C-alpha atoms as a PDB file:
ATOM      1  CA  MET A   1      47.775 282.125  83.481  1.00  0.00           C
ATOM      2  CA  THR A   2      50.363 280.321  81.209  1.00  0.00           C
ATOM      3  CA  HIS A   3      52.612 281.904  78.699  1.00  0.00           C
ATOM      4  CA  ASP A   4      50.370 280.811  75.697  1.00  0.00           C
ATOM      5  CA  GLU A   5      47.313 281.902  77.451  1.00  0.00           C
ATOM      6  CA  THR A   6      48.836 285.335  77.932  1.00  0.00           C
ATOM      7  CA  MET A   7      50.218 285.571  74.354  1.00  0.00           C
ATOM      8  CA  LYS A   8      46.804 284.439  73.052  1.00  0.00           C
ATOM      9  CA  GLU A   9      45.185 287.628  75.072  1.00  0.00           C
ATOM     10  CA  PHE A  10      47.997 289.964  73.598  1.00  0.00           C
ATOM     11  CA  LEU A  11      47.181 288.532  70.117  1.00  0.00           C
ATOM     12  CA  GLU A  12      43.383 289.275  70.747  1.00  0.00           C
ATOM     13  CA  LEU A  13      44.275 292.712  71.669  1.00  0.00           C
ATOM     14  CA  ALA A  14      46.605 293.193  68.539  1.00  0.00           C
ATOM     15  CA  CYS A  15      43.865 292.162  66.269  1.00  0.00           C
ATOM     16  CA  ASN A  16      41.612 294.294  67.883  1.00  0.00           C
ATOM     17  CA  LEU A  17      43.911 297.179  67.476  1.00  0.00           C
ATOM     18  CA  SER A  18      44.129 296.805  63.803  1.00  0.00           C
ATOM     19  CA  PRO A  19      42.899 299.832  62.072  1.00  0.00           C
ATOM     20  CA  GLU A  20      39.988 298.047  60.377  1.00  0.00           C
ATOM     21  CA  ASN A  21      38.969 296.226  63.546  1.00  0.00           C
ATOM     22  CA  LEU A  22      39.302 299.418  65.711  1.00  0.00           C
ATOM     23  CA  SER A  23      37.073 301.398  63.421  1.00  0.00           C
ATOM     24  CA  CYS A  24      34.761 298.791  62.465  1.00  0.00           C
ATOM     25  CA  ASP A  25      35.835 299.111  58.838  1.00  0.00           C
ATOM     26  CA  GLY A  26      35.453 302.929  59.085  1.00  0.00           C
ATOM     27  CA  GLU A  27      31.809 302.784  60.468  1.00  0.00           C
ATOM     28  CA  LEU A  28      32.513 304.220  63.927  1.00  0.00           C
ATOM     29  CA  PRO A  29      32.889 307.960  64.836  1.00  0.00           C
ATOM     30  CA  THR A  30      36.402 309.271  65.633  1.00  0.00           C
ATOM     31  CA  SER A  31      35.402 309.778  69.210  1.00  0.00           C
ATOM     32  CA  GLU A  32      34.292 306.060  69.711  1.00  0.00           C
ATOM     33  CA  ILE A  33      37.510 304.965  67.845  1.00  0.00           C
ATOM     34  CA  ARG A  34      39.633 306.795  70.364  1.00  0.00           C
ATOM     35  CA  LYS A  35      37.732 305.427  73.600  1.00  0.00           C
ATOM     36  CA  ARG A  36      38.067 301.851  71.986  1.00  0.00           C
ATOM     37  CA  LYS A  37      42.011 302.199  71.357  1.00  0.00           C
ATOM     38  CA  LYS A  38      42.378 303.824  74.798  1.00  0.00           C
ATOM     39  CA  ARG A  39      40.588 300.786  76.597  1.00  0.00           C
ATOM     40  CA  LEU A  40      42.610 298.311  74.396  1.00  0.00           C
ATOM     41  CA  ILE A  41      45.892 299.925  75.136  1.00  0.00           C
ATOM     42  CA  SER A  42      45.077 299.963  78.779  1.00  0.00           C
ATOM     43  CA  ALA A  43      44.208 296.267  78.722  1.00  0.00           C
ATOM     44  CA  TRP A  44      47.661 295.699  76.978  1.00  0.00           C
ATOM     45  CA  HIS A  45      49.478 297.613  79.777  1.00  0.00           C
ATOM     46  CA  ILE A  46      47.680 295.592  82.385  1.00  0.00           C
ATOM     47  CA  LEU A  47      48.870 292.437  80.662  1.00  0.00           C
ATOM     48  CA  GLU A  48      52.484 293.846  80.468  1.00  0.00           C
ATOM     49  CA  ASN A  49      52.332 294.534  84.176  1.00  0.00           C
ATOM     50  CA  ASN A  50      51.138 290.751  84.824  1.00  0.00           C
ATOM     51  CA  VAL A  51      54.045 289.443  82.911  1.00  0.00           C
ATOM     52  CA  GLY A  52      56.510 291.870  84.235  1.00  0.00           C
ATOM     53  CA  HIS A  53      57.958 293.294  81.171  1.00  0.00           C
ATOM     54  CA  LYS A  54      57.073 295.236  77.890  1.00  0.00           C
ATOM     55  CA  VAL A  55      55.731 293.062  74.917  1.00  0.00           C
ATOM     56  CA  SER A  56      55.616 294.465  71.601  1.00  0.00           C
ATOM     57  CA  GLU A  57      53.247 293.862  68.805  1.00  0.00           C
ATOM     58  CA  GLU A  58      56.100 292.120  66.867  1.00  0.00           C
ATOM     59  CA  ASP A  59      56.599 289.773  69.806  1.00  0.00           C
ATOM     60  CA  VAL A  60      52.897 288.841  69.556  1.00  0.00           C
ATOM     61  CA  TRP A  61      53.002 288.201  65.888  1.00  0.00           C
ATOM     62  CA  ARG A  62      56.192 286.309  66.003  1.00  0.00           C
ATOM     63  CA  TRP A  63      54.664 284.090  68.563  1.00  0.00           C
ATOM     64  CA  SER A  64      51.509 283.744  66.625  1.00  0.00           C
ATOM     65  CA  THR A  65      53.546 282.703  63.471  1.00  0.00           C
ATOM     66  CA  LYS A  66      55.523 280.017  65.514  1.00  0.00           C
ATOM     67  CA  GLN A  67      52.214 278.746  66.898  1.00  0.00           C
ATOM     68  CA  ARG A  68      50.715 278.394  63.500  1.00  0.00           C
ATOM     69  CA  SER A  69      53.818 276.545  62.241  1.00  0.00           C
ATOM     70  CA  ASN A  70      53.811 274.162  64.995  1.00  0.00           C
ATOM     71  CA  THR A  71      50.174 273.338  64.465  1.00  0.00           C
ATOM     72  CA  THR A  72      50.763 272.915  60.759  1.00  0.00           C
ATOM     73  CA  ILE A  73      53.633 270.560  61.402  1.00  0.00           C
ATOM     74  CA  THR A  74      51.925 268.585  64.211  1.00  0.00           C
ATOM     75  CA  GLY A  75      48.430 268.812  62.645  1.00  0.00           C
END
């Protein structure tokens, strides 16, 4: 998997971990929110193990912002 592909996976996880997405805008019961969060964090740790280092949400958002800037400039 390339760096960009991995970062896209982290970005998807980060988006899914946002409170409104995690809770389906408050529609899910707390027990389901906990299960979803645990599953998403587990997937995050697996990706970190694959790349061999910790990746913060800040790293992911910084990468995403850079990607959007590059797309705006070249697109």
